[in-house]
Amino acid sequence: MSELYYGVHTLGGVITERNGDLCTIRLRMPAGILSVEKMRGIAEIAERFGQNEVHLTTRQTVEIPHIHHTRLEEIKEALAENGTPLGSEKDEVVNIVACPGTERCKFANSDSIGLAKRLDEKLFGKEMPVKIRISISACSYACTSPVLNEIGITTRVSPHRTPGLCTGCGQCSEYCKEEAISVIGGEARVDKEKCLECGVCVTSCPFQLVDIQKKYYIITVGGRRGRHPQMGRVLAEVDNEDDVVNIIDRLVYWVYRRAWSGRLLSDQLEDIKFDSFKNDVLPELLKKE
């Protein structure tokens, strides 16, 4: 293999298959969003390189399998021209996952896709000592399993009921999957210990007597899937998207400087002094001008 092909082969979007002469090509596709034009281009590129199938991955991207190592530079250029360049898979910030968000989902509380694109532009492909997977969920249903990623973001809302006007119809109680709402004395009451702040009661009230008192983002760190799944730790709760982006940008830099290869981030949070970041660095980031 020439030096040129060896260089392409080391990129994160190129994955060696069981047959060492062949590679799977993973594409960059933040939040899995793809125009039909680019989708058509991917199909044409796959066919051009002798493939009649592509693989849709768990990280909301596309892989083109069985590409011979001598054609890596060629397919890399073709994908870049299509606007779907090589993705990431190694010790770096990989494709960022997000649910449909407020653009489409009736349960969503935030623009998760827009946030994914902001984080992708700032962080995607950054070389790291460990793999960094970022997952975003726009509500407490957590369809994208944010707490099982190295960095997770979940949007929650605190409901507020207009005092004295609740009719006690029970609609919100019927819709609440946590059984956190009871109708007592003709008025809906919330058990805050059970409430997951998903916001369903806000949209279910037929008289619009429930609104959002507070919307906020929970950032978790150190989650993982795999053989030994583990939930991430809560790093922060912030009330705006800009703070989310700034905190995660600084967090990734912190991990870059302090972590080392060979162990998952979840196994070395204590060693890189996660609590020091949470208690010392985070307050400085959240200071308002």
C-alpha atoms as a PDB file:
ATOM      1  CA  MET A   1       0.000   0.000   0.000  1.00  0.00           C
ATOM      2  CA  SER A   2       1.441   3.343  -1.011  1.00  0.00           C
ATOM      3  CA  GLU A   3       2.054   6.189   1.438  1.00  0.00           C
ATOM      4  CA  LEU A   4      -0.929   8.049  -0.045  1.00  0.00           C
ATOM      5  CA  TYR A   5      -3.380   5.239   0.624  1.00  0.00           C
ATOM      6  CA  TYR A   6      -1.853   4.531   4.032  1.00  0.00           C
ATOM      7  CA  GLY A   7      -2.610   8.122   4.998  1.00  0.00           C
ATOM      8  CA  VAL A   8      -6.264   7.876   3.989  1.00  0.00           C
ATOM      9  CA  HIS A   9      -6.531   4.496   5.690  1.00  0.00           C
ATOM     10  CA  THR A  10      -5.698   6.042   9.066  1.00  0.00           C
ATOM     11  CA  LEU A  11      -8.606   8.482   8.947  1.00  0.00           C
ATOM     12  CA  GLY A  12     -11.465   7.790  11.334  1.00  0.00           C
ATOM     13  CA  GLY A  13     -14.048   7.285   8.616  1.00  0.00           C
ATOM     14  CA  VAL A  14     -12.151   4.347   7.127  1.00  0.00           C
ATOM     15  CA  ILE A  15     -12.713   1.035   8.943  1.00  0.00           C
ATOM     16  CA  THR A  16     -10.754  -2.079   7.983  1.00  0.00           C
ATOM     17  CA  GLU A  17     -12.988  -5.107   7.443  1.00  0.00           C
ATOM     18  CA  ARG A  18     -12.349  -8.783   8.262  1.00  0.00           C
ATOM     19  CA  ASN A  19     -10.834  -9.032   4.810  1.00  0.00           C
ATOM     20  CA  GLY A  20      -7.887  -6.682   5.282  1.00  0.00           C
ATOM     21  CA  ASP A  21      -7.955  -5.575   1.654  1.00  0.00           C
ATOM     22  CA  LEU A  22     -11.419  -4.054   2.066  1.00  0.00           C
ATOM     23  CA  CYS A  23     -12.663  -1.090   4.064  1.00  0.00           C
ATOM     24  CA  THR A  24     -16.013   0.278   5.202  1.00  0.00           C
ATOM     25  CA  ILE A  25     -16.387   4.009   4.630  1.00  0.00           C
ATOM     26  CA  ARG A  26     -18.305   5.904   7.311  1.00  0.00           C
ATOM     27  CA  LEU A  27     -19.728   9.331   6.431  1.00  0.00           C
ATOM     28  CA  ARG A  28     -20.055  12.554   8.391  1.00  0.00           C
ATOM     29  CA  MET A  29     -23.742  13.266   8.911  1.00  0.00           C
ATOM     30  CA  PRO A  30     -24.613  15.333  12.030  1.00  0.00           C
ATOM     31  CA  ALA A  31     -27.967  14.246  13.534  1.00  0.00           C
ATOM     32  CA  GLY A  32     -28.487  11.972  10.534  1.00  0.00           C
ATOM     33  CA  ILE A  33     -29.804  14.842   8.414  1.00  0.00           C
ATOM     34  CA  LEU A  34     -29.334  14.371   4.694  1.00  0.00           C
ATOM     35  CA  SER A  35     -30.869  16.082   1.677  1.00  0.00           C
ATOM     36  CA  VAL A  36     -32.429  13.876  -0.971  1.00  0.00           C
ATOM     37  CA  GLU A  37     -29.858  15.217  -3.428  1.00  0.00           C
ATOM     38  CA  LYS A  38     -26.968  14.093  -1.217  1.00  0.00           C
ATOM     39  CA  MET A  39     -28.724  10.780  -0.589  1.00  0.00           C
ATOM     40  CA  ARG A  40     -28.968  10.271  -4.309  1.00  0.00           C
ATOM     41  CA  GLY A  41     -25.278  11.147  -4.607  1.00  0.00           C
ATOM     42  CA  ILE A  42     -24.315   8.544  -1.998  1.00  0.00           C
ATOM     43  CA  ALA A  43     -26.267   5.887  -3.900  1.00  0.00           C
ATOM     44  CA  GLU A  44     -24.519   6.823  -7.140  1.00  0.00           C
ATOM     45  CA  ILE A  45     -21.095   6.752  -5.475  1.00  0.00           C
ATOM     46  CA  ALA A  46     -21.795   3.353  -3.910  1.00  0.00           C
ATOM     47  CA  GLU A  47     -22.812   1.955  -7.298  1.00  0.00           C
ATOM     48  CA  ARG A  48     -19.776   3.513  -8.948  1.00  0.00           C
ATOM     49  CA  PHE A  49     -17.577   1.618  -6.509  1.00  0.00           C
ATOM     50  CA  GLY A  50     -19.364  -1.678  -7.110  1.00  0.00           C
ATOM     51  CA  GLN A  51     -21.791  -1.712  -4.174  1.00  0.00           C
ATOM     52  CA  ASN A  52     -25.569  -2.143  -4.222  1.00  0.00           C
ATOM     53  CA  GLU A  53     -26.085  -1.664  -0.489  1.00  0.00           C
ATOM     54  CA  VAL A  54     -25.225   0.865   2.216  1.00  0.00           C
ATOM     55  CA  HIS A  55     -25.469   0.511   5.988  1.00  0.00           C
ATOM     56  CA  LEU A  56     -27.429   2.874   8.259  1.00  0.00           C
ATOM     57  CA  THR A  57     -25.579   2.985  11.577  1.00  0.00           C
ATOM     58  CA  THR A  58     -26.694   3.431  15.174  1.00  0.00           C
ATOM     59  CA  ARG A  59     -24.995   6.833  15.198  1.00  0.00           C
ATOM     60  CA  GLN A  60     -27.268   8.214  12.494  1.00  0.00           C
ATOM     61  CA  THR A  61     -24.803   8.038   9.655  1.00  0.00           C
ATOM     62  CA  VAL A  62     -24.235   5.948   6.523  1.00  0.00           C
ATOM     63  CA  GLU A  63     -21.498   3.445   5.724  1.00  0.00           C
ATOM     64  CA  ILE A  64     -20.452   2.203   2.292  1.00  0.00           C
ATOM     65  CA  PRO A  65     -18.933  -1.284   2.697  1.00  0.00           C
ATOM     66  CA  HIS A  66     -16.362  -3.353   0.818  1.00  0.00           C
ATOM     67  CA  ILE A  67     -14.209  -0.611  -0.732  1.00  0.00           C
ATOM     68  CA  HIS A  68     -10.800  -1.868  -1.874  1.00  0.00           C
ATOM     69  CA  HIS A  69      -7.876  -0.098  -0.198  1.00  0.00           C
ATOM     70  CA  THR A  70      -6.481   1.057  -3.550  1.00  0.00           C
ATOM     71  CA  ARG A  71      -9.596   3.205  -4.137  1.00  0.00           C
ATOM     72  CA  LEU A  72      -9.721   5.013  -0.800  1.00  0.00           C
ATOM     73  CA  GLU A  73      -8.453   8.351  -2.065  1.00  0.00           C
ATOM     74  CA  GLU A  74     -10.837   8.175  -5.009  1.00  0.00           C
ATOM     75  CA  ILE A  75     -13.944   7.593  -2.889  1.00  0.00           C
ATOM     76  CA  LYS A  76     -12.816  10.158  -0.338  1.00  0.00           C
ATOM     77  CA  GLU A  77     -12.747  12.841  -3.044  1.00  0.00           C
ATOM     78  CA  ALA A  78     -16.093  11.739  -4.496  1.00  0.00           C
ATOM     79  CA  LEU A  79     -17.779  11.923  -1.090  1.00  0.00           C
ATOM     80  CA  ALA A  80     -16.310  15.351  -0.369  1.00  0.00           C
ATOM     81  CA  GLU A  81     -17.694  16.642  -3.682  1.00  0.00           C
ATOM     82  CA  ASN A  82     -21.098  15.254  -2.699  1.00  0.00           C
ATOM     83  CA  GLY A  83     -21.046  17.181   0.586  1.00  0.00           C
ATOM     84  CA  THR A  84     -20.937  13.946   2.608  1.00  0.00           C
ATOM     85  CA  PRO A  85     -17.261  13.686   3.595  1.00  0.00           C
ATOM     86  CA  LEU A  86     -15.545  10.971   5.585  1.00  0.00           C
ATOM     87  CA  GLY A  87     -16.840  10.557   9.099  1.00  0.00           C
ATOM     88  CA  SER A  88     -15.161   9.581  12.323  1.00  0.00           C
ATOM     89  CA  GLU A  89     -14.842   6.369  14.314  1.00  0.00           C
ATOM     90  CA  LYS A  90     -11.541   6.350  16.210  1.00  0.00           C
ATOM     91  CA  ASP A  91     -10.352   8.301  19.265  1.00  0.00           C
ATOM     92  CA  GLU A  92     -11.968  11.563  18.270  1.00  0.00           C
ATOM     93  CA  VAL A  93     -15.321  13.339  18.451  1.00  0.00           C
ATOM     94  CA  VAL A  94     -17.548  11.134  16.313  1.00  0.00           C
ATOM     95  CA  ASN A  95     -20.869  11.770  14.556  1.00  0.00           C
ATOM     96  CA  ILE A  96     -23.238  13.662  16.852  1.00  0.00           C
ATOM     97  CA  VAL A  97     -26.620  12.030  17.412  1.00  0.00           C
ATOM     98  CA  ALA A  98     -29.891  13.907  17.957  1.00  0.00           C
ATOM     99  CA  CYS A  99     -33.622  13.209  18.026  1.00  0.00           C
ATOM    100  CA  PRO A 100     -35.962  15.078  15.605  1.00  0.00           C
ATOM    101  CA  GLY A 101     -36.512  17.901  18.122  1.00  0.00           C
ATOM    102  CA  THR A 102     -39.096  20.649  17.805  1.00  0.00           C
ATOM    103  CA  GLU A 103     -38.887  20.537  14.020  1.00  0.00           C
ATOM    104  CA  ARG A 104     -41.028  17.369  13.990  1.00  0.00           C
ATOM    105  CA  CYS A 105     -41.603  15.688  17.355  1.00  0.00           C
ATOM    106  CA  LYS A 106     -44.696  16.665  19.374  1.00  0.00           C
ATOM    107  CA  PHE A 107     -42.911  15.772  22.630  1.00  0.00           C
ATOM    108  CA  ALA A 108     -39.768  17.812  21.965  1.00  0.00           C
ATOM    109  CA  ASN A 109     -38.795  20.799  24.082  1.00  0.00           C
ATOM    110  CA  SER A 110     -35.788  22.081  22.100  1.00  0.00           C
ATOM    111  CA  ASP A 111     -34.198  22.266  18.659  1.00  0.00           C
ATOM    112  CA  SER A 112     -31.938  19.241  19.112  1.00  0.00           C
ATOM    113  CA  ILE A 113     -30.951  19.100  15.435  1.00  0.00           C
ATOM    114  CA  GLY A 114     -29.855  22.744  15.428  1.00  0.00           C
ATOM    115  CA  LEU A 115     -27.788  22.122  18.549  1.00  0.00           C
ATOM    116  CA  ALA A 116     -26.222  19.026  16.989  1.00  0.00           C
ATOM    117  CA  LYS A 117     -25.168  21.037  13.954  1.00  0.00           C
ATOM    118  CA  ARG A 118     -23.586  23.731  16.160  1.00  0.00           C
ATOM    119  CA  LEU A 119     -21.604  21.159  18.117  1.00  0.00           C
ATOM    120  CA  ASP A 120     -20.622  19.328  14.930  1.00  0.00           C
ATOM    121  CA  GLU A 121     -19.252  22.516  13.387  1.00  0.00           C
ATOM    122  CA  LYS A 122     -17.182  23.229  16.462  1.00  0.00           C
ATOM    123  CA  LEU A 123     -16.027  19.777  17.548  1.00  0.00           C
ATOM    124  CA  PHE A 124     -16.505  17.028  14.950  1.00  0.00           C
ATOM    125  CA  GLY A 125     -13.406  14.985  14.187  1.00  0.00           C
ATOM    126  CA  LYS A 126     -11.287  16.590  16.889  1.00  0.00           C
ATOM    127  CA  GLU A 127      -8.477  14.178  17.731  1.00  0.00           C
ATOM    128  CA  MET A 128      -8.836  12.925  21.297  1.00  0.00           C
ATOM    129  CA  PRO A 129      -7.131  10.432  23.612  1.00  0.00           C
ATOM    130  CA  VAL A 130     -10.506   8.648  23.912  1.00  0.00           C
ATOM    131  CA  LYS A 131     -13.562   8.342  21.693  1.00  0.00           C
ATOM    132  CA  ILE A 132     -16.158  11.025  22.445  1.00  0.00           C
ATOM    133  CA  ARG A 133     -19.768  10.272  21.555  1.00  0.00           C
ATOM    134  CA  ILE A 134     -22.273  13.120  21.989  1.00  0.00           C
ATOM    135  CA  SER A 135     -26.009  12.440  22.056  1.00  0.00           C
ATOM    136  CA  ILE A 136     -28.853  14.964  22.310  1.00  0.00           C
ATOM    137  CA  SER A 137     -32.451  14.397  23.373  1.00  0.00           C
ATOM    138  CA  ALA A 138     -35.055  17.154  23.243  1.00  0.00           C
ATOM    139  CA  CYS A 139     -37.150  15.691  26.068  1.00  0.00           C
ATOM    140  CA  SER A 140     -37.141  13.273  28.990  1.00  0.00           C
ATOM    141  CA  TYR A 141     -38.152  10.359  26.781  1.00  0.00           C
ATOM    142  CA  ALA A 142     -34.443  10.265  25.916  1.00  0.00           C
ATOM    143  CA  CYS A 143     -34.883   8.312  22.669  1.00  0.00           C
ATOM    144  CA  THR A 144     -31.211   8.821  21.779  1.00  0.00           C
ATOM    145  CA  SER A 145     -29.997   7.483  25.177  1.00  0.00           C
ATOM    146  CA  PRO A 146     -27.913  10.565  26.077  1.00  0.00           C
ATOM    147  CA  VAL A 147     -26.913   9.223  29.506  1.00  0.00           C
ATOM    148  CA  LEU A 148     -25.251   6.227  27.816  1.00  0.00           C
ATOM    149  CA  ASN A 149     -22.814   8.417  25.868  1.00  0.00           C
ATOM    150  CA  GLU A 150     -19.571  10.092  26.870  1.00  0.00           C
ATOM    151  CA  ILE A 151     -21.480  13.387  26.701  1.00  0.00           C
ATOM    152  CA  GLY A 152     -25.257  13.568  26.870  1.00  0.00           C
ATOM    153  CA  ILE A 153     -27.685  16.491  26.637  1.00  0.00           C
ATOM    154  CA  THR A 154     -31.331  16.223  27.694  1.00  0.00           C
ATOM    155  CA  THR A 155     -33.880  19.048  27.623  1.00  0.00           C
ATOM    156  CA  ARG A 156     -36.462  19.247  30.393  1.00  0.00           C
ATOM    157  CA  VAL A 157     -39.242  21.663  31.265  1.00  0.00           C
ATOM    158  CA  SER A 158     -40.828  22.487  34.622  1.00  0.00           C
ATOM    159  CA  PRO A 159     -44.620  22.857  34.298  1.00  0.00           C
ATOM    160  CA  HIS A 160     -46.547  25.716  35.893  1.00  0.00           C
ATOM    161  CA  ARG A 161     -50.297  25.663  36.484  1.00  0.00           C
ATOM    162  CA  THR A 162     -52.356  28.825  36.583  1.00  0.00           C
ATOM    163  CA  PRO A 163     -53.562  29.018  40.219  1.00  0.00           C
ATOM    164  CA  GLY A 164     -57.316  28.860  40.767  1.00  0.00           C
ATOM    165  CA  LEU A 165     -58.246  28.182  37.153  1.00  0.00           C
ATOM    166  CA  CYS A 166     -57.668  24.424  36.840  1.00  0.00           C
ATOM    167  CA  THR A 167     -60.981  22.709  36.069  1.00  0.00           C
ATOM    168  CA  GLY A 168     -59.813  19.324  37.332  1.00  0.00           C
ATOM    169  CA  CYS A 169     -60.716  17.653  34.028  1.00  0.00           C
ATOM    170  CA  GLY A 170     -57.923  15.111  34.512  1.00  0.00           C
ATOM    171  CA  GLN A 171     -56.580  15.323  30.955  1.00  0.00           C
ATOM    172  CA  CYS A 172     -53.009  15.951  32.115  1.00  0.00           C
ATOM    173  CA  SER A 173     -53.287  13.094  34.594  1.00  0.00           C
ATOM    174  CA  GLU A 174     -54.380  10.717  31.831  1.00  0.00           C
ATOM    175  CA  TYR A 175     -51.411  11.665  29.645  1.00  0.00           C
ATOM    176  CA  CYS A 176     -48.762  11.528  32.388  1.00  0.00           C
ATOM    177  CA  LYS A 177     -46.879   8.233  32.002  1.00  0.00           C
ATOM    178  CA  GLU A 178     -45.204   8.645  35.408  1.00  0.00           C
ATOM    179  CA  GLU A 179     -48.535   8.870  37.285  1.00  0.00           C
ATOM    180  CA  ALA A 180     -47.145  12.058  38.804  1.00  0.00           C
ATOM    181  CA  ILE A 181     -50.404  14.046  38.504  1.00  0.00           C
ATOM    182  CA  SER A 182     -53.469  13.513  40.680  1.00  0.00           C
ATOM    183  CA  VAL A 183     -56.754  15.408  40.674  1.00  0.00           C
ATOM    184  CA  ILE A 184     -57.546  16.339  44.280  1.00  0.00           C
ATOM    185  CA  GLY A 185     -60.447  18.567  45.212  1.00  0.00           C
ATOM    186  CA  GLY A 186     -61.070  19.457  41.590  1.00  0.00           C
ATOM    187  CA  GLU A 187     -57.473  20.565  40.996  1.00  0.00           C
ATOM    188  CA  ALA A 188     -54.524  18.812  39.362  1.00  0.00           C
ATOM    189  CA  ARG A 189     -51.529  18.390  41.640  1.00  0.00           C
ATOM    190  CA  VAL A 190     -48.025  17.248  40.733  1.00  0.00           C
ATOM    191  CA  ASP A 191     -45.836  14.874  42.726  1.00  0.00           C
ATOM    192  CA  LYS A 192     -42.423  16.430  42.057  1.00  0.00           C
ATOM    193  CA  GLU A 193     -40.660  13.260  43.162  1.00  0.00           C
ATOM    194  CA  LYS A 194     -42.255  11.350  40.281  1.00  0.00           C
ATOM    195  CA  CYS A 195     -42.288  14.117  37.658  1.00  0.00           C
ATOM    196  CA  LEU A 196     -39.656  13.761  34.924  1.00  0.00           C
ATOM    197  CA  GLU A 197     -40.380  17.234  33.538  1.00  0.00           C
ATOM    198  CA  CYS A 198     -41.129  15.888  30.087  1.00  0.00           C
ATOM    199  CA  GLY A 199     -43.661  18.622  29.272  1.00  0.00           C
ATOM    200  CA  VAL A 200     -46.466  16.334  28.111  1.00  0.00           C
ATOM    201  CA  CYS A 201     -48.866  17.880  30.625  1.00  0.00           C
ATOM    202  CA  VAL A 202     -48.189  21.294  29.101  1.00  0.00           C
ATOM    203  CA  THR A 203     -49.323  20.248  25.632  1.00  0.00           C
ATOM    204  CA  SER A 204     -52.156  18.024  26.853  1.00  0.00           C
ATOM    205  CA  CYS A 205     -54.082  20.689  28.796  1.00  0.00           C
ATOM    206  CA  PRO A 206     -57.160  21.479  26.646  1.00  0.00           C
ATOM    207  CA  PHE A 207     -57.605  24.874  28.315  1.00  0.00           C
ATOM    208  CA  GLN A 208     -53.928  25.925  28.069  1.00  0.00           C
ATOM    209  CA  LEU A 209     -53.748  26.471  31.812  1.00  0.00           C
ATOM    210  CA  VAL A 210     -50.354  24.746  32.063  1.00  0.00           C
ATOM    211  CA  ASP A 211     -47.291  26.500  30.709  1.00  0.00           C
ATOM    212  CA  ILE A 212     -43.521  26.163  30.970  1.00  0.00           C
ATOM    213  CA  GLN A 213     -42.089  27.724  34.084  1.00  0.00           C
ATOM    214  CA  LYS A 214     -38.511  26.778  33.226  1.00  0.00           C
ATOM    215  CA  LYS A 215     -36.713  25.073  30.338  1.00  0.00           C
ATOM    216  CA  TYR A 216     -33.241  23.720  30.939  1.00  0.00           C
ATOM    217  CA  TYR A 217     -30.597  21.357  29.582  1.00  0.00           C
ATOM    218  CA  ILE A 218     -29.004  18.568  31.648  1.00  0.00           C
ATOM    219  CA  ILE A 219     -25.437  17.741  30.592  1.00  0.00           C
ATOM    220  CA  THR A 220     -24.126  14.324  31.609  1.00  0.00           C
ATOM    221  CA  VAL A 221     -20.596  12.959  31.275  1.00  0.00           C
ATOM    222  CA  GLY A 222     -19.053   9.482  31.284  1.00  0.00           C
ATOM    223  CA  GLY A 223     -21.884   7.275  30.068  1.00  0.00           C
ATOM    224  CA  ARG A 224     -21.260   4.204  27.956  1.00  0.00           C
ATOM    225  CA  ARG A 225     -22.994   1.364  26.145  1.00  0.00           C
ATOM    226  CA  GLY A 226     -21.320  -1.936  25.305  1.00  0.00           C
ATOM    227  CA  ARG A 227     -20.587  -4.929  27.490  1.00  0.00           C
ATOM    228  CA  HIS A 228     -20.714  -2.957  30.718  1.00  0.00           C
ATOM    229  CA  PRO A 229     -23.206  -0.095  30.268  1.00  0.00           C
ATOM    230  CA  GLN A 230     -23.019   2.811  32.659  1.00  0.00           C
ATOM    231  CA  MET A 231     -25.029   5.982  33.122  1.00  0.00           C
ATOM    232  CA  GLY A 232     -23.226   9.298  32.886  1.00  0.00           C
ATOM    233  CA  ARG A 233     -22.849  11.699  35.789  1.00  0.00           C
ATOM    234  CA  VAL A 234     -24.663  15.009  35.857  1.00  0.00           C
ATOM    235  CA  LEU A 235     -22.242  17.838  35.114  1.00  0.00           C
ATOM    236  CA  ALA A 236     -24.559  20.823  34.861  1.00  0.00           C
ATOM    237  CA  GLU A 237     -28.069  22.147  34.369  1.00  0.00           C
ATOM    238  CA  VAL A 238     -28.173  25.280  32.196  1.00  0.00           C
ATOM    239  CA  ASP A 239     -31.018  27.305  30.749  1.00  0.00           C
ATOM    240  CA  ASN A 240     -29.760  28.240  27.275  1.00  0.00           C
ATOM    241  CA  GLU A 241     -28.144  26.643  24.251  1.00  0.00           C
ATOM    242  CA  ASP A 242     -25.128  28.955  24.169  1.00  0.00           C
ATOM    243  CA  ASP A 243     -24.069  27.760  27.622  1.00  0.00           C
ATOM    244  CA  VAL A 244     -24.456  24.163  26.482  1.00  0.00           C
ATOM    245  CA  VAL A 245     -22.128  24.724  23.528  1.00  0.00           C
ATOM    246  CA  ASN A 246     -19.542  26.624  25.604  1.00  0.00           C
ATOM    247  CA  ILE A 247     -19.510  24.053  28.398  1.00  0.00           C
ATOM    248  CA  ILE A 248     -19.147  21.089  26.067  1.00  0.00           C
ATOM    249  CA  ASP A 249     -16.424  22.865  24.092  1.00  0.00           C
ATOM    250  CA  ARG A 250     -14.470  23.446  27.301  1.00  0.00           C
ATOM    251  CA  LEU A 251     -15.214  19.942  28.584  1.00  0.00           C
ATOM    252  CA  VAL A 252     -13.840  18.365  25.403  1.00  0.00           C
ATOM    253  CA  TYR A 253     -10.688  20.467  25.755  1.00  0.00           C
ATOM    254  CA  TRP A 254     -10.398  19.368  29.389  1.00  0.00           C
ATOM    255  CA  VAL A 255     -10.626  15.694  28.390  1.00  0.00           C
ATOM    256  CA  TYR A 256      -8.152  16.272  25.553  1.00  0.00           C
ATOM    257  CA  ARG A 257      -5.590  17.670  27.980  1.00  0.00           C
ATOM    258  CA  ARG A 258      -6.069  15.220  30.854  1.00  0.00           C
ATOM    259  CA  ALA A 259      -7.312  11.836  29.621  1.00  0.00           C
ATOM    260  CA  TRP A 260      -5.194   9.128  28.048  1.00  0.00           C
ATOM    261  CA  SER A 261      -5.743   6.352  25.541  1.00  0.00           C
ATOM    262  CA  GLY A 262      -6.538   2.751  26.321  1.00  0.00           C
ATOM    263  CA  ARG A 263      -9.412   3.343  28.744  1.00  0.00           C
ATOM    264  CA  LEU A 264     -12.959   4.562  28.250  1.00  0.00           C
ATOM    265  CA  LEU A 265     -13.739   8.014  29.552  1.00  0.00           C
ATOM    266  CA  SER A 266     -16.168   6.498  32.066  1.00  0.00           C
ATOM    267  CA  ASP A 267     -13.276   4.570  33.642  1.00  0.00           C
ATOM    268  CA  GLN A 268     -11.060   7.590  34.195  1.00  0.00           C
ATOM    269  CA  LEU A 269     -13.331  10.407  35.339  1.00  0.00           C
ATOM    270  CA  GLU A 270     -11.818  10.272  38.810  1.00  0.00           C
ATOM    271  CA  ASP A 271      -8.273  10.276  37.430  1.00  0.00           C
ATOM    272  CA  ILE A 272      -8.849  13.360  35.277  1.00  0.00           C
ATOM    273  CA  LYS A 273     -10.506  15.053  38.268  1.00  0.00           C
ATOM    274  CA  PHE A 274     -14.025  15.409  36.927  1.00  0.00           C
ATOM    275  CA  ASP A 275     -15.174  16.984  40.187  1.00  0.00           C
ATOM    276  CA  SER A 276     -12.480  19.638  39.829  1.00  0.00           C
ATOM    277  CA  PHE A 277     -13.898  20.622  36.445  1.00  0.00           C
ATOM    278  CA  LYS A 278     -17.437  20.616  37.836  1.00  0.00           C
ATOM    279  CA  ASN A 279     -16.610  22.624  40.954  1.00  0.00           C
ATOM    280  CA  ASP A 280     -13.831  24.949  39.754  1.00  0.00           C
ATOM    281  CA  VAL A 281     -14.013  25.431  35.971  1.00  0.00           C
ATOM    282  CA  LEU A 282     -17.765  25.186  35.430  1.00  0.00           C
ATOM    283  CA  PRO A 283     -18.748  28.122  37.694  1.00  0.00           C
ATOM    284  CA  GLU A 284     -16.405  30.391  35.729  1.00  0.00           C
ATOM    285  CA  LEU A 285     -18.038  29.336  32.463  1.00  0.00           C
ATOM    286  CA  LEU A 286     -21.500  30.118  33.798  1.00  0.00           C
ATOM    287  CA  LYS A 287     -20.705  33.630  35.029  1.00  0.00           C
ATOM    288  CA  LYS A 288     -22.862  36.145  33.210  1.00  0.00           C
ATOM    289  CA  GLU A 289     -21.347  39.332  31.902  1.00  0.00           C
END
